[in-house]
mmCIF file of all heavy atoms, coordinates in Angstrom:
data_MODEL
# 
_entry.id   MODEL 
# 
loop_
_atom_site.group_PDB 
_atom_site.id 
_atom_site.type_symbol 
_atom_site.label_atom_id 
_atom_site.label_alt_id 
_atom_site.label_comp_id 
_atom_site.label_asym_id 
_atom_site.label_entity_id 
_atom_site.label_seq_id 
_atom_site.pdbx_PDB_ins_code 
_atom_site.Cartn_x 
_atom_site.Cartn_y 
_atom_site.Cartn_z 
_atom_site.occupancy 
_atom_site.B_iso_or_equiv 
_atom_site.pdbx_formal_charge 
_atom_site.auth_seq_id 
_atom_site.auth_comp_id 
_atom_site.auth_asym_id 
_atom_site.auth_atom_id 
_atom_site.pdbx_PDB_model_num 
ATOM 1   N N   . ASP A 1 1  ? 5.083   3.972  -12.816 1.00 0.00 ? 1  ASP A N   1 
ATOM 2   C CA  . ASP A 1 1  ? 4.741   3.175  -11.640 1.00 0.00 ? 1  ASP A CA  1 
ATOM 3   C C   . ASP A 1 1  ? 4.572   4.024  -10.387 1.00 0.00 ? 1  ASP A C   1 
ATOM 4   O O   . ASP A 1 1  ? 3.786   3.691  -9.494  1.00 0.00 ? 1  ASP A O   1 
ATOM 5   C CB  . ASP A 1 1  ? 5.815   2.115  -11.388 1.00 0.00 ? 1  ASP A CB  1 
ATOM 6   C CG  . ASP A 1 1  ? 5.853   1.046  -12.474 1.00 0.00 ? 1  ASP A CG  1 
ATOM 7   O OD1 . ASP A 1 1  ? 4.771   0.560  -12.851 1.00 0.00 ? 1  ASP A OD1 1 
ATOM 8   O OD2 . ASP A 1 1  ? 6.952   0.703  -12.937 1.00 0.00 ? 1  ASP A OD2 1 
ATOM 9   N N   . GLY A 1 2  ? 5.296   5.130  -10.288 1.00 0.00 ? 2  GLY A N   1 
ATOM 10  C CA  . GLY A 1 2  ? 5.275   5.941  -9.073  1.00 0.00 ? 2  GLY A CA  1 
ATOM 11  C C   . GLY A 1 2  ? 3.933   6.551  -8.742  1.00 0.00 ? 2  GLY A C   1 
ATOM 12  O O   . GLY A 1 2  ? 3.663   6.876  -7.573  1.00 0.00 ? 2  GLY A O   1 
ATOM 13  N N   . CYS A 1 3  ? 3.065   6.731  -9.742  1.00 0.00 ? 3  CYS A N   1 
ATOM 14  C CA  . CYS A 1 3  ? 1.722   7.261  -9.478  1.00 0.00 ? 3  CYS A CA  1 
ATOM 15  C C   . CYS A 1 3  ? 0.688   6.149  -9.348  1.00 0.00 ? 3  CYS A C   1 
ATOM 16  O O   . CYS A 1 3  ? -0.498  6.424  -9.174  1.00 0.00 ? 3  CYS A O   1 
ATOM 17  C CB  . CYS A 1 3  ? 1.300   8.246  -10.572 1.00 0.00 ? 3  CYS A CB  1 
ATOM 18  S SG  . CYS A 1 3  ? 1.062   7.521  -12.206 1.00 0.00 ? 3  CYS A SG  1 
ATOM 19  N N   . ARG A 1 4  ? 1.159   4.889  -9.412  1.00 0.00 ? 4  ARG A N   1 
ATOM 20  C CA  . ARG A 1 4  ? 0.250   3.751  -9.418  1.00 0.00 ? 4  ARG A CA  1 
ATOM 21  C C   . ARG A 1 4  ? 0.372   2.883  -8.170  1.00 0.00 ? 4  ARG A C   1 
ATOM 22  O O   . ARG A 1 4  ? -0.197  1.793  -8.109  1.00 0.00 ? 4  ARG A O   1 
ATOM 23  C CB  . ARG A 1 4  ? 0.512   2.898  -10.659 1.00 0.00 ? 4  ARG A CB  1 
ATOM 24  C CG  . ARG A 1 4  ? 0.323   3.652  -11.963 1.00 0.00 ? 4  ARG A CG  1 
ATOM 25  C CD  . ARG A 1 4  ? 0.726   2.832  -13.173 1.00 0.00 ? 4  ARG A CD  1 
ATOM 26  N NE  . ARG A 1 4  ? 0.431   3.542  -14.425 1.00 0.00 ? 4  ARG A NE  1 
ATOM 27  C CZ  . ARG A 1 4  ? 0.595   3.029  -15.633 1.00 0.00 ? 4  ARG A CZ  1 
ATOM 28  N NH1 . ARG A 1 4  ? 1.079   1.795  -15.766 1.00 0.00 ? 4  ARG A NH1 1 
ATOM 29  N NH2 . ARG A 1 4  ? 0.297   3.727  -16.721 1.00 0.00 ? 4  ARG A NH2 1 
ATOM 30  N N   . VAL A 1 5  ? 1.110   3.346  -7.188  1.00 0.00 ? 5  VAL A N   1 
ATOM 31  C CA  . VAL A 1 5  ? 1.301   2.570  -5.965  1.00 0.00 ? 5  VAL A CA  1 
ATOM 32  C C   . VAL A 1 5  ? -0.045  2.400  -5.260  1.00 0.00 ? 5  VAL A C   1 
ATOM 33  O O   . VAL A 1 5  ? -0.822  3.352  -5.153  1.00 0.00 ? 5  VAL A O   1 
ATOM 34  C CB  . VAL A 1 5  ? 2.326   3.263  -5.053  1.00 0.00 ? 5  VAL A CB  1 
ATOM 35  C CG1 . VAL A 1 5  ? 2.428   2.558  -3.706  1.00 0.00 ? 5  VAL A CG1 1 
ATOM 36  C CG2 . VAL A 1 5  ? 3.691   3.307  -5.737  1.00 0.00 ? 5  VAL A CG2 1 
ATOM 37  N N   . PRO A 1 6  ? -0.363  1.184  -4.786  1.00 0.00 ? 6  PRO A N   1 
ATOM 38  C CA  . PRO A 1 6  ? -1.673  0.929  -4.176  1.00 0.00 ? 6  PRO A CA  1 
ATOM 39  C C   . PRO A 1 6  ? -2.017  1.860  -3.014  1.00 0.00 ? 6  PRO A C   1 
ATOM 40  O O   . PRO A 1 6  ? -1.147  2.325  -2.264  1.00 0.00 ? 6  PRO A O   1 
ATOM 41  C CB  . PRO A 1 6  ? -1.549  -0.531 -3.714  1.00 0.00 ? 6  PRO A CB  1 
ATOM 42  C CG  . PRO A 1 6  ? -0.658  -1.146 -4.749  1.00 0.00 ? 6  PRO A CG  1 
ATOM 43  C CD  . PRO A 1 6  ? 0.372   -0.076 -5.027  1.00 0.00 ? 6  PRO A CD  1 
ATOM 44  N N   . LEU A 1 7  ? -3.317  2.111  -2.876  1.00 0.00 ? 7  LEU A N   1 
ATOM 45  C CA  . LEU A 1 7  ? -3.823  3.084  -1.913  1.00 0.00 ? 7  LEU A CA  1 
ATOM 46  C C   . LEU A 1 7  ? -3.695  2.607  -0.470  1.00 0.00 ? 7  LEU A C   1 
ATOM 47  O O   . LEU A 1 7  ? -3.807  1.414  -0.183  1.00 0.00 ? 7  LEU A O   1 
ATOM 48  C CB  . LEU A 1 7  ? -5.303  3.378  -2.189  1.00 0.00 ? 7  LEU A CB  1 
ATOM 49  C CG  . LEU A 1 7  ? -5.660  4.062  -3.506  1.00 0.00 ? 7  LEU A CG  1 
ATOM 50  C CD1 . LEU A 1 7  ? -7.144  4.432  -3.503  1.00 0.00 ? 7  LEU A CD1 1 
ATOM 51  C CD2 . LEU A 1 7  ? -4.807  5.291  -3.751  1.00 0.00 ? 7  LEU A CD2 1 
ATOM 52  N N   . PRO A 1 8  ? -3.493  3.553  0.451   1.00 0.00 ? 8  PRO A N   1 
ATOM 53  C CA  . PRO A 1 8  ? -3.510  3.234  1.881   1.00 0.00 ? 8  PRO A CA  1 
ATOM 54  C C   . PRO A 1 8  ? -4.894  3.481  2.491   1.00 0.00 ? 8  PRO A C   1 
ATOM 55  O O   . PRO A 1 8  ? -5.399  4.607  2.455   1.00 0.00 ? 8  PRO A O   1 
ATOM 56  C CB  . PRO A 1 8  ? -2.471  4.200  2.457   1.00 0.00 ? 8  PRO A CB  1 
ATOM 57  C CG  . PRO A 1 8  ? -2.580  5.423  1.587   1.00 0.00 ? 8  PRO A CG  1 
ATOM 58  C CD  . PRO A 1 8  ? -3.013  4.940  0.218   1.00 0.00 ? 8  PRO A CD  1 
ATOM 59  N N   . TRP A 1 9  ? -5.498  2.453  3.037   1.00 0.00 ? 9  TRP A N   1 
ATOM 60  C CA  . TRP A 1 9  ? -6.846  2.586  3.580   1.00 0.00 ? 9  TRP A CA  1 
ATOM 61  C C   . TRP A 1 9  ? -6.870  2.718  5.103   1.00 0.00 ? 9  TRP A C   1 
ATOM 62  O O   . TRP A 1 9  ? -7.613  3.535  5.637   1.00 0.00 ? 9  TRP A O   1 
ATOM 63  C CB  . TRP A 1 9  ? -7.704  1.386  3.148   1.00 0.00 ? 9  TRP A CB  1 
ATOM 64  C CG  . TRP A 1 9  ? -7.994  1.386  1.684   1.00 0.00 ? 9  TRP A CG  1 
ATOM 65  C CD1 . TRP A 1 9  ? -7.332  0.689  0.709   1.00 0.00 ? 9  TRP A CD1 1 
ATOM 66  C CD2 . TRP A 1 9  ? -8.993  2.152  1.010   1.00 0.00 ? 9  TRP A CD2 1 
ATOM 67  N NE1 . TRP A 1 9  ? -7.871  0.977  -0.522  1.00 0.00 ? 9  TRP A NE1 1 
ATOM 68  C CE2 . TRP A 1 9  ? -8.890  1.862  -0.375  1.00 0.00 ? 9  TRP A CE2 1 
ATOM 69  C CE3 . TRP A 1 9  ? -9.973  3.050  1.441   1.00 0.00 ? 9  TRP A CE3 1 
ATOM 70  C CZ2 . TRP A 1 9  ? -9.729  2.447  -1.323  1.00 0.00 ? 9  TRP A CZ2 1 
ATOM 71  C CZ3 . TRP A 1 9  ? -10.812 3.630  0.500   1.00 0.00 ? 9  TRP A CZ3 1 
ATOM 72  C CH2 . TRP A 1 9  ? -10.689 3.335  -0.869  1.00 0.00 ? 9  TRP A CH2 1 
ATOM 73  N N   . SER A 1 10 ? -6.064  1.892  5.798   1.00 0.00 ? 10 SER A N   1 
ATOM 74  C CA  . SER A 1 10 ? -6.157  1.881  7.261   1.00 0.00 ? 10 SER A CA  1 
ATOM 75  C C   . SER A 1 10 ? -4.890  1.273  7.858   1.00 0.00 ? 10 SER A C   1 
ATOM 76  O O   . SER A 1 10 ? -4.056  0.708  7.142   1.00 0.00 ? 10 SER A O   1 
ATOM 77  C CB  . SER A 1 10 ? -7.378  1.072  7.708   1.00 0.00 ? 10 SER A CB  1 
ATOM 78  O OG  . SER A 1 10 ? -7.272  -0.274 7.249   1.00 0.00 ? 10 SER A OG  1 
ATOM 79  N N   . GLY A 1 11 ? -4.757  1.405  9.163   1.00 0.00 ? 11 GLY A N   1 
ATOM 80  C CA  . GLY A 1 11 ? -3.636  0.784  9.852   1.00 0.00 ? 11 GLY A CA  1 
ATOM 81  C C   . GLY A 1 11 ? -2.410  1.679  9.911   1.00 0.00 ? 11 GLY A C   1 
ATOM 82  O O   . GLY A 1 11 ? -2.367  2.771  9.340   1.00 0.00 ? 11 GLY A O   1 
ATOM 83  N N   . LYS A 1 12 ? -1.385  1.189  10.599  1.00 0.00 ? 12 LYS A N   1 
ATOM 84  C CA  . LYS A 1 12 ? -0.183  1.959  10.869  1.00 0.00 ? 12 LYS A CA  1 
ATOM 85  C C   . LYS A 1 12 ? 1.001   1.576  9.993   1.00 0.00 ? 12 LYS A C   1 
ATOM 86  O O   . LYS A 1 12 ? 2.043   2.238  10.035  1.00 0.00 ? 12 LYS A O   1 
ATOM 87  C CB  . LYS A 1 12 ? 0.217   1.777  12.341  1.00 0.00 ? 12 LYS A CB  1 
ATOM 88  C CG  . LYS A 1 12 ? -0.855  2.173  13.341  1.00 0.00 ? 12 LYS A CG  1 
ATOM 89  C CD  . LYS A 1 12 ? -1.145  3.675  13.301  1.00 0.00 ? 12 LYS A CD  1 
ATOM 90  C CE  . LYS A 1 12 ? -2.099  4.060  14.432  1.00 0.00 ? 12 LYS A CE  1 
ATOM 91  N NZ  . LYS A 1 12 ? -2.433  5.498  14.396  1.00 0.00 ? 12 LYS A NZ  1 
ATOM 92  N N   . GLU A 1 13 ? 0.882   0.498  9.219   1.00 0.00 ? 13 GLU A N   1 
ATOM 93  C CA  . GLU A 1 13 ? 2.005   0.045  8.403   1.00 0.00 ? 13 GLU A CA  1 
ATOM 94  C C   . GLU A 1 13 ? 1.481   -0.656 7.162   1.00 0.00 ? 13 GLU A C   1 
ATOM 95  O O   . GLU A 1 13 ? 0.316   -1.078 7.113   1.00 0.00 ? 13 GLU A O   1 
ATOM 96  C CB  . GLU A 1 13 ? 2.902   -0.880 9.210   1.00 0.00 ? 13 GLU A CB  1 
ATOM 97  C CG  . GLU A 1 13 ? 2.202   -2.112 9.747   1.00 0.00 ? 13 GLU A CG  1 
ATOM 98  C CD  . GLU A 1 13 ? 3.079   -2.929 10.676  1.00 0.00 ? 13 GLU A CD  1 
ATOM 99  O OE1 . GLU A 1 13 ? 4.011   -2.359 11.283  1.00 0.00 ? 13 GLU A OE1 1 
ATOM 100 O OE2 . GLU A 1 13 ? 2.828   -4.155 10.797  1.00 0.00 ? 13 GLU A OE2 1 
ATOM 101 N N   . PRO A 1 14 ? 2.335   -0.774 6.109   1.00 0.00 ? 14 PRO A N   1 
ATOM 102 C CA  . PRO A 1 14 ? 1.901   -1.461 4.896   1.00 0.00 ? 14 PRO A CA  1 
ATOM 103 C C   . PRO A 1 14 ? 1.431   -2.878 5.237   1.00 0.00 ? 14 PRO A C   1 
ATOM 104 O O   . PRO A 1 14 ? 1.971   -3.501 6.152   1.00 0.00 ? 14 PRO A O   1 
ATOM 105 C CB  . PRO A 1 14 ? 3.167   -1.480 4.031   1.00 0.00 ? 14 PRO A CB  1 
ATOM 106 C CG  . PRO A 1 14 ? 3.978   -0.312 4.532   1.00 0.00 ? 14 PRO A CG  1 
ATOM 107 C CD  . PRO A 1 14 ? 3.705   -0.264 6.014   1.00 0.00 ? 14 PRO A CD  1 
ATOM 108 N N   . PRO A 1 15 ? 0.391   -3.384 4.544   1.00 0.00 ? 15 PRO A N   1 
ATOM 109 C CA  . PRO A 1 15 ? -0.209  -2.822 3.321   1.00 0.00 ? 15 PRO A CA  1 
ATOM 110 C C   . PRO A 1 15 ? -1.349  -1.840 3.559   1.00 0.00 ? 15 PRO A C   1 
ATOM 111 O O   . PRO A 1 15 ? -2.111  -1.571 2.653   1.00 0.00 ? 15 PRO A O   1 
ATOM 112 C CB  . PRO A 1 15 ? -0.721  -4.077 2.608   1.00 0.00 ? 15 PRO A CB  1 
ATOM 113 C CG  . PRO A 1 15 ? -1.122  -5.002 3.727   1.00 0.00 ? 15 PRO A CG  1 
ATOM 114 C CD  . PRO A 1 15 ? -0.098  -4.772 4.807   1.00 0.00 ? 15 PRO A CD  1 
ATOM 115 N N   . PHE A 1 16 ? -1.481  -1.306 4.763   1.00 0.00 ? 16 PHE A N   1 
ATOM 116 C CA  . PHE A 1 16 ? -2.449  -0.243 5.040   1.00 0.00 ? 16 PHE A CA  1 
ATOM 117 C C   . PHE A 1 16 ? -3.878  -0.597 4.612   1.00 0.00 ? 16 PHE A C   1 
ATOM 118 O O   . PHE A 1 16 ? -4.599  0.222  4.041   1.00 0.00 ? 16 PHE A O   1 
ATOM 119 C CB  . PHE A 1 16 ? -2.025  1.065  4.364   1.00 0.00 ? 16 PHE A CB  1 
ATOM 120 C CG  . PHE A 1 16 ? -0.743  1.652  4.869   1.00 0.00 ? 16 PHE A CG  1 
ATOM 121 C CD1 . PHE A 1 16 ? 0.318   1.867  4.008   1.00 0.00 ? 16 PHE A CD1 1 
ATOM 122 C CD2 . PHE A 1 16 ? -0.588  1.983  6.209   1.00 0.00 ? 16 PHE A CD2 1 
ATOM 123 C CE1 . PHE A 1 16 ? 1.514   2.413  4.456   1.00 0.00 ? 16 PHE A CE1 1 
ATOM 124 C CE2 . PHE A 1 16 ? 0.598   2.532  6.679   1.00 0.00 ? 16 PHE A CE2 1 
ATOM 125 C CZ  . PHE A 1 16 ? 1.658   2.743  5.806   1.00 0.00 ? 16 PHE A CZ  1 
ATOM 126 N N   . GLY A 1 17 ? -4.269  -1.846 4.878   1.00 0.00 ? 17 GLY A N   1 
ATOM 127 C CA  . GLY A 1 17 ? -5.633  -2.248 4.577   1.00 0.00 ? 17 GLY A CA  1 
ATOM 128 C C   . GLY A 1 17 ? -5.926  -2.483 3.118   1.00 0.00 ? 17 GLY A C   1 
ATOM 129 O O   . GLY A 1 17 ? -7.086  -2.707 2.747   1.00 0.00 ? 17 GLY A O   1 
ATOM 130 N N   . PHE A 1 18 ? -4.883  -2.447 2.279   1.00 0.00 ? 18 PHE A N   1 
ATOM 131 C CA  . PHE A 1 18 ? -5.106  -2.665 0.842   1.00 0.00 ? 18 PHE A CA  1 
ATOM 132 C C   . PHE A 1 18 ? -5.536  -4.096 0.563   1.00 0.00 ? 18 PHE A C   1 
ATOM 133 O O   . PHE A 1 18 ? -6.347  -4.347 -0.324  1.00 0.00 ? 18 PHE A O   1 
ATOM 134 C CB  . PHE A 1 18 ? -3.822  -2.335 0.076   1.00 0.00 ? 18 PHE A CB  1 
ATOM 135 C CG  . PHE A 1 18 ? -3.867  -2.701 -1.384  1.00 0.00 ? 18 PHE A CG  1 
ATOM 136 C CD1 . PHE A 1 18 ? -4.615  -1.953 -2.278  1.00 0.00 ? 18 PHE A CD1 1 
ATOM 137 C CD2 . PHE A 1 18 ? -3.160  -3.805 -1.864  1.00 0.00 ? 18 PHE A CD2 1 
ATOM 138 C CE1 . PHE A 1 18 ? -4.665  -2.292 -3.631  1.00 0.00 ? 18 PHE A CE1 1 
ATOM 139 C CE2 . PHE A 1 18 ? -3.207  -4.152 -3.208  1.00 0.00 ? 18 PHE A CE2 1 
ATOM 140 C CZ  . PHE A 1 18 ? -3.957  -3.390 -4.092  1.00 0.00 ? 18 PHE A CZ  1 
ATOM 141 N N   . GLY A 1 19 ? -4.985  -5.058 1.286   1.00 0.00 ? 19 GLY A N   1 
ATOM 142 C CA  . GLY A 1 19 ? -5.249  -6.476 1.051   1.00 0.00 ? 19 GLY A CA  1 
ATOM 143 C C   . GLY A 1 19 ? -3.973  -7.261 1.259   1.00 0.00 ? 19 GLY A C   1 
ATOM 144 O O   . GLY A 1 19 ? -3.326  -7.147 2.302   1.00 0.00 ? 19 GLY A O   1 
ATOM 145 N N   . GLY A 1 20 ? -3.578  -8.059 0.249   1.00 0.00 ? 20 GLY A N   1 
ATOM 146 C CA  . GLY A 1 20 ? -2.320  -8.788 0.322   1.00 0.00 ? 20 GLY A CA  1 
ATOM 147 C C   . GLY A 1 20 ? -1.132  -7.870 0.115   1.00 0.00 ? 20 GLY A C   1 
ATOM 148 O O   . GLY A 1 20 ? -1.274  -6.648 -0.001  1.00 0.00 ? 20 GLY A O   1 
ATOM 149 N N   . GLU A 1 21 ? 0.059   -8.454 0.077   1.00 0.00 ? 21 GLU A N   1 
ATOM 150 C CA  . GLU A 1 21 ? 1.258   -7.656 -0.156  1.00 0.00 ? 21 GLU A CA  1 
ATOM 151 C C   . GLU A 1 21 ? 1.140   -6.961 -1.504  1.00 0.00 ? 21 GLU A C   1 
ATOM 152 O O   . GLU A 1 21 ? 1.054   -7.616 -2.544  1.00 0.00 ? 21 GLU A O   1 
ATOM 153 C CB  . GLU A 1 21 ? 2.503   -8.545 -0.129  1.00 0.00 ? 21 GLU A CB  1 
ATOM 154 C CG  . GLU A 1 21 ? 3.792   -7.768 -0.320  1.00 0.00 ? 21 GLU A CG  1 
ATOM 155 C CD  . GLU A 1 21 ? 5.034   -8.641 -0.236  1.00 0.00 ? 21 GLU A CD  1 
ATOM 156 O OE1 . GLU A 1 21 ? 4.889   -9.832 0.121   1.00 0.00 ? 21 GLU A OE1 1 
ATOM 157 O OE2 . GLU A 1 21 ? 6.136   -8.145 -0.546  1.00 0.00 ? 21 GLU A OE2 1 
ATOM 158 N N   . PRO A 1 22 ? 1.139   -5.635 -1.550  1.00 0.00 ? 22 PRO A N   1 
ATOM 159 C CA  . PRO A 1 22 ? 0.834   -4.914 -2.789  1.00 0.00 ? 22 PRO A CA  1 
ATOM 160 C C   . PRO A 1 22 ? 1.843   -5.196 -3.894  1.00 0.00 ? 22 PRO A C   1 
ATOM 161 O O   . PRO A 1 22 ? 3.028   -5.429 -3.639  1.00 0.00 ? 22 PRO A O   1 
ATOM 162 C CB  . PRO A 1 22 ? 0.878   -3.446 -2.371  1.00 0.00 ? 22 PRO A CB  1 
ATOM 163 C CG  . PRO A 1 22 ? 0.673   -3.457 -0.896  1.00 0.00 ? 22 PRO A CG  1 
ATOM 164 C CD  . PRO A 1 22 ? 1.318   -4.719 -0.415  1.00 0.00 ? 22 PRO A CD  1 
ATOM 165 N N   . TRP A 1 23 ? 1.371   -5.135 -5.120  1.00 0.00 ? 23 TRP A N   1 
ATOM 166 C CA  . TRP A 1 23 ? 2.222   -5.413 -6.285  1.00 0.00 ? 23 TRP A CA  1 
ATOM 167 C C   . TRP A 1 23 ? 3.334   -4.370 -6.437  1.00 0.00 ? 23 TRP A C   1 
ATOM 168 O O   . TRP A 1 23 ? 4.367   -4.644 -7.053  1.00 0.00 ? 23 TRP A O   1 
ATOM 169 C CB  . TRP A 1 23 ? 1.379   -5.504 -7.554  1.00 0.00 ? 23 TRP A CB  1 
ATOM 170 C CG  . TRP A 1 23 ? 0.690   -4.240 -7.979  1.00 0.00 ? 23 TRP A CG  1 
ATOM 171 C CD1 . TRP A 1 23 ? -0.456  -3.720 -7.460  1.00 0.00 ? 23 TRP A CD1 1 
ATOM 172 C CD2 . TRP A 1 23 ? 1.098   -3.348 -9.017  1.00 0.00 ? 23 TRP A CD2 1 
ATOM 173 N NE1 . TRP A 1 23 ? -0.783  -2.545 -8.110  1.00 0.00 ? 23 TRP A NE1 1 
ATOM 174 C CE2 . TRP A 1 23 ? 0.143   -2.299 -9.069  1.00 0.00 ? 23 TRP A CE2 1 
ATOM 175 C CE3 . TRP A 1 23 ? 2.168   -3.329 -9.915  1.00 0.00 ? 23 TRP A CE3 1 
ATOM 176 C CZ2 . TRP A 1 23 ? 0.238   -1.247 -9.983  1.00 0.00 ? 23 TRP A CZ2 1 
ATOM 177 C CZ3 . TRP A 1 23 ? 2.256   -2.277 -10.825 1.00 0.00 ? 23 TRP A CZ3 1 
ATOM 178 C CH2 . TRP A 1 23 ? 1.304   -1.258 -10.854 1.00 0.00 ? 23 TRP A CH2 1 
ATOM 179 N N   . LEU A 1 24 ? 3.132   -3.180 -5.885  1.00 0.00 ? 24 LEU A N   1 
ATOM 180 C CA  . LEU A 1 24 ? 4.183   -2.179 -5.720  1.00 0.00 ? 24 LEU A CA  1 
ATOM 181 C C   . LEU A 1 24 ? 4.192   -1.772 -4.251  1.00 0.00 ? 24 LEU A C   1 
ATOM 182 O O   . LEU A 1 24 ? 3.125   -1.593 -3.652  1.00 0.00 ? 24 LEU A O   1 
ATOM 183 C CB  . LEU A 1 24 ? 3.934   -0.947 -6.601  1.00 0.00 ? 24 LEU A CB  1 
ATOM 184 C CG  . LEU A 1 24 ? 4.147   -1.102 -8.106  1.00 0.00 ? 24 LEU A CG  1 
ATOM 185 C CD1 . LEU A 1 24 ? 3.673   0.156  -8.829  1.00 0.00 ? 24 LEU A CD1 1 
ATOM 186 C CD2 . LEU A 1 24 ? 5.605   -1.401 -8.446  1.00 0.00 ? 24 LEU A CD2 1 
ATOM 187 N N   . PRO A 1 25 ? 5.369   -1.602 -3.644  1.00 0.00 ? 25 PRO A N   1 
ATOM 188 C CA  . PRO A 1 25 ? 5.421   -1.319 -2.209  1.00 0.00 ? 25 PRO A CA  1 
ATOM 189 C C   . PRO A 1 25 ? 4.978   0.091  -1.859  1.00 0.00 ? 25 PRO A C   1 
ATOM 190 O O   . PRO A 1 25 ? 5.291   1.052  -2.558  1.00 0.00 ? 25 PRO A O   1 
ATOM 191 C CB  . PRO A 1 25 ? 6.902   -1.533 -1.870  1.00 0.00 ? 25 PRO A CB  1 
ATOM 192 C CG  . PRO A 1 25 ? 7.630   -1.273 -3.155  1.00 0.00 ? 25 PRO A CG  1 
ATOM 193 C CD  . PRO A 1 25 ? 6.713   -1.758 -4.246  1.00 0.00 ? 25 PRO A CD  1 
ATOM 194 N N   . GLN A 1 26 ? 4.256   0.209  -0.748  1.00 0.00 ? 26 GLN A N   1 
ATOM 195 C CA  . GLN A 1 26 ? 3.810   1.504  -0.242  1.00 0.00 ? 26 GLN A CA  1 
ATOM 196 C C   . GLN A 1 26 ? 4.845   2.056  0.735   1.00 0.00 ? 26 GLN A C   1 
ATOM 197 O O   . GLN A 1 26 ? 5.412   1.301  1.534   1.00 0.00 ? 26 GLN A O   1 
ATOM 198 C CB  . GLN A 1 26 ? 2.466   1.346  0.481   1.00 0.00 ? 26 GLN A CB  1 
ATOM 199 C CG  . GLN A 1 26 ? 1.361   0.747  -0.361  1.00 0.00 ? 26 GLN A CG  1 
ATOM 200 C CD  . GLN A 1 26 ? 0.325   0.053  0.519   1.00 0.00 ? 26 GLN A CD  1 
ATOM 201 O OE1 . GLN A 1 26 ? 0.673   -0.772 1.354   1.00 0.00 ? 26 GLN A OE1 1 
ATOM 202 N NE2 . GLN A 1 26 ? -0.941  0.393  0.321   1.00 0.00 ? 26 GLN A NE2 1 
ATOM 203 N N   . PRO A 1 27 ? 5.082   3.353  0.719   1.00 0.00 ? 27 PRO A N   1 
ATOM 204 C CA  . PRO A 1 27 ? 6.008   3.937  1.697   1.00 0.00 ? 27 PRO A CA  1 
ATOM 205 C C   . PRO A 1 27 ? 5.441   3.849  3.117   1.00 0.00 ? 27 PRO A C   1 
ATOM 206 O O   . PRO A 1 27 ? 4.246   4.086  3.329   1.00 0.00 ? 27 PRO A O   1 
ATOM 207 C CB  . PRO A 1 27 ? 6.137   5.396  1.263   1.00 0.00 ? 27 PRO A CB  1 
ATOM 208 C CG  . PRO A 1 27 ? 5.556   5.466  -0.117  1.00 0.00 ? 27 PRO A CG  1 
ATOM 209 C CD  . PRO A 1 27 ? 4.561   4.364  -0.218  1.00 0.00 ? 27 PRO A CD  1 
ATOM 210 N N   . ALA A 1 28 ? 6.297   3.543  4.075   1.00 0.00 ? 28 ALA A N   1 
ATOM 211 C CA  . ALA A 1 28 ? 5.862   3.543  5.474   1.00 0.00 ? 28 ALA A CA  1 
ATOM 212 C C   . ALA A 1 28 ? 5.375   4.920  5.901   1.00 0.00 ? 28 ALA A C   1 
ATOM 213 O O   . ALA A 1 28 ? 4.544   5.049  6.804   1.00 0.00 ? 28 ALA A O   1 
ATOM 214 C CB  . ALA A 1 28 ? 7.000   3.069  6.370   1.00 0.00 ? 28 ALA A CB  1 
# 
């Protein structure tokens, strides 16, 4: 799972433009 965390696209905080609340949390 650690290599599958959703990508950060934009913004200053999660979900970083990914979309909805990611299925795995992104690090701040």
